[in-house]
């Protein structure tokens, strides 16, 4: 891969954060439908976390633009997702295991909700 470690981490976060937003949105909808005594605190908390992730994604996009990095999804095949990545003019395809992406999303959510 032509990307540095920092660039690779940026690419990984760029791929991961939209997945996290989707997960949070689905959970938000489920909580809104759940028969809880008080749903509003949970809704507000998840919405706040979604804003945090959205802001971080916005910053990642700005940094990627300044670093001349472009990422676009290619296809999902069975248990892998492929992305076309262009780093400083070098073009390559990166494959991620969907299980790996799922696990990374879960770890990120744990860090997001349980700060240490």
Protein backbone atom coordinates (compact mmCIF):
# COMPACT_ATOMS: atom_id res chain seq x y z
CA UNK A 1 0.00 0.00 0.00
CA UNK A 2 1.25 3.45 -0.89
CA UNK A 3 -0.28 5.17 2.13
CA UNK A 4 1.65 5.93 5.30
CA UNK A 5 0.43 4.58 8.64
CA UNK A 6 -1.31 7.89 9.37
CA UNK A 7 -2.96 7.91 5.96
CA UNK A 8 -4.08 4.29 6.39
CA UNK A 9 -5.63 5.14 9.75
CA UNK A 10 -7.41 8.09 8.13
CA UNK A 11 -8.76 5.84 5.37
CA UNK A 12 -9.91 3.26 7.91
CA UNK A 13 -11.77 5.90 9.93
CA UNK A 14 -13.32 7.31 6.74
CA UNK A 15 -14.74 3.86 5.96
CA UNK A 16 -15.74 3.09 9.57
CA UNK A 17 -17.50 6.30 10.65
CA UNK A 18 -20.41 6.15 8.15
CA UNK A 19 -21.03 2.58 9.32
CA UNK A 20 -21.10 3.77 12.92
CA UNK A 21 -23.58 6.52 12.00
CA UNK A 22 -25.84 3.95 10.34
CA UNK A 23 -25.70 1.73 13.42
CA UNK A 24 -26.48 4.64 15.72
CA UNK A 25 -29.37 5.73 13.52
CA UNK A 26 -30.90 2.25 13.57
CA UNK A 27 -30.47 2.05 17.33
CA UNK A 28 -32.05 5.48 17.70
CA UNK A 29 -35.10 4.34 15.74
CA UNK A 30 -35.34 1.20 17.87
CA UNK A 31 -35.16 3.19 21.10
CA UNK A 32 -37.81 5.59 19.87
CA UNK A 33 -40.12 2.61 19.30
CA UNK A 34 -39.19 0.82 22.54
CA UNK A 35 -41.65 0.78 25.43
CA UNK A 36 -39.33 2.62 27.82
CA UNK A 37 -40.51 4.85 30.62
CA UNK A 38 -38.20 7.68 29.49
CA UNK A 39 -36.98 7.55 25.90
CA UNK A 40 -35.96 11.20 25.54
CA UNK A 41 -32.67 10.99 27.53
CA UNK A 42 -31.52 8.03 25.42
CA UNK A 43 -32.57 9.75 22.20
CA UNK A 44 -30.71 12.92 23.15
CA UNK A 45 -27.63 10.97 24.16
CA UNK A 46 -27.48 9.01 20.90
CA UNK A 47 -28.14 12.16 18.85
CA UNK A 48 -25.28 13.88 20.67
CA UNK A 49 -22.94 10.97 19.91
CA UNK A 50 -24.08 11.01 16.27
CA UNK A 51 -23.14 14.70 16.08
CA UNK A 52 -19.70 13.89 17.50
CA UNK A 53 -19.12 11.19 14.88
CA UNK A 54 -20.47 13.43 12.09
CA UNK A 55 -18.13 16.24 13.10
CA UNK A 56 -15.17 13.82 13.21
CA UNK A 57 -16.12 12.51 9.75
CA UNK A 58 -16.28 16.08 8.45
CA UNK A 59 -12.77 16.71 9.79
CA UNK A 60 -11.52 13.46 8.23
CA UNK A 61 -12.92 14.51 4.85
CA UNK A 62 -11.13 17.86 5.09
CA UNK A 63 -7.87 16.18 6.01
CA UNK A 64 -8.23 13.64 3.19
CA UNK A 65 -8.80 16.45 0.72
CA UNK A 66 -5.70 18.28 1.91
CA UNK A 67 -3.66 15.04 1.73
CA UNK A 68 -5.01 14.27 -1.77
CA UNK A 69 -6.64 10.98 -0.71
CA UNK A 70 -9.80 9.66 -2.33
CA UNK A 71 -11.78 6.60 -1.27
CA UNK A 72 -14.78 5.14 -3.07
CA UNK A 73 -16.62 1.87 -2.46
CA UNK A 74 -16.31 -0.66 -5.26
CA UNK A 75 -18.40 -3.66 -4.27
CA UNK A 76 -19.52 -5.96 -1.52
CA UNK A 77 -18.92 -9.62 -2.18
CA UNK A 78 -20.17 -12.25 0.31
CA UNK A 79 -17.90 -11.54 3.27
CA UNK A 80 -15.66 -8.74 1.95
CA UNK A 81 -16.00 -5.11 0.98
CA UNK A 82 -13.73 -3.54 -1.61
CA UNK A 83 -12.75 0.11 -1.85
CA UNK A 84 -10.83 2.00 -4.48
CA UNK A 85 -8.22 4.19 -2.81
CA UNK A 86 -6.18 6.89 -4.50
CA UNK A 87 -3.27 8.25 -2.45
CA UNK A 88 -1.14 10.96 -4.04
CA UNK A 89 -2.05 9.63 -7.50
CA UNK A 90 -1.41 5.97 -6.69
CA UNK A 91 -4.51 3.88 -7.30
CA UNK A 92 -5.23 0.59 -5.56
CA UNK A 93 -8.05 -1.63 -4.34
CA UNK A 94 -8.27 -2.44 -0.64
CA UNK A 95 -10.32 -5.37 0.64
CA UNK A 96 -11.80 -5.48 4.12
CA UNK A 97 -13.47 -8.43 5.76
CA UNK A 98 -17.04 -7.46 6.67
CA UNK A 99 -16.54 -9.23 10.00
CA UNK A 100 -13.45 -7.08 10.65
CA UNK A 101 -15.39 -3.91 9.82
CA UNK A 102 -18.22 -5.00 12.11
CA UNK A 103 -15.79 -5.70 14.95
CA UNK A 104 -14.06 -2.36 14.44
CA UNK A 105 -17.42 -0.57 14.53
CA UNK A 106 -18.30 -2.34 17.77
CA UNK A 107 -14.97 -1.40 19.35
CA UNK A 108 -15.40 2.22 18.28
CA UNK A 109 -18.89 2.34 19.77
CA UNK A 110 -17.57 0.93 23.04
CA UNK A 111 -14.90 3.66 23.17
CA UNK A 112 -17.49 6.28 22.21
CA UNK A 113 -19.93 5.26 24.94
CA UNK A 114 -17.48 4.20 27.64
CA UNK A 115 -14.68 6.79 27.68
CA UNK A 116 -11.81 6.02 29.99
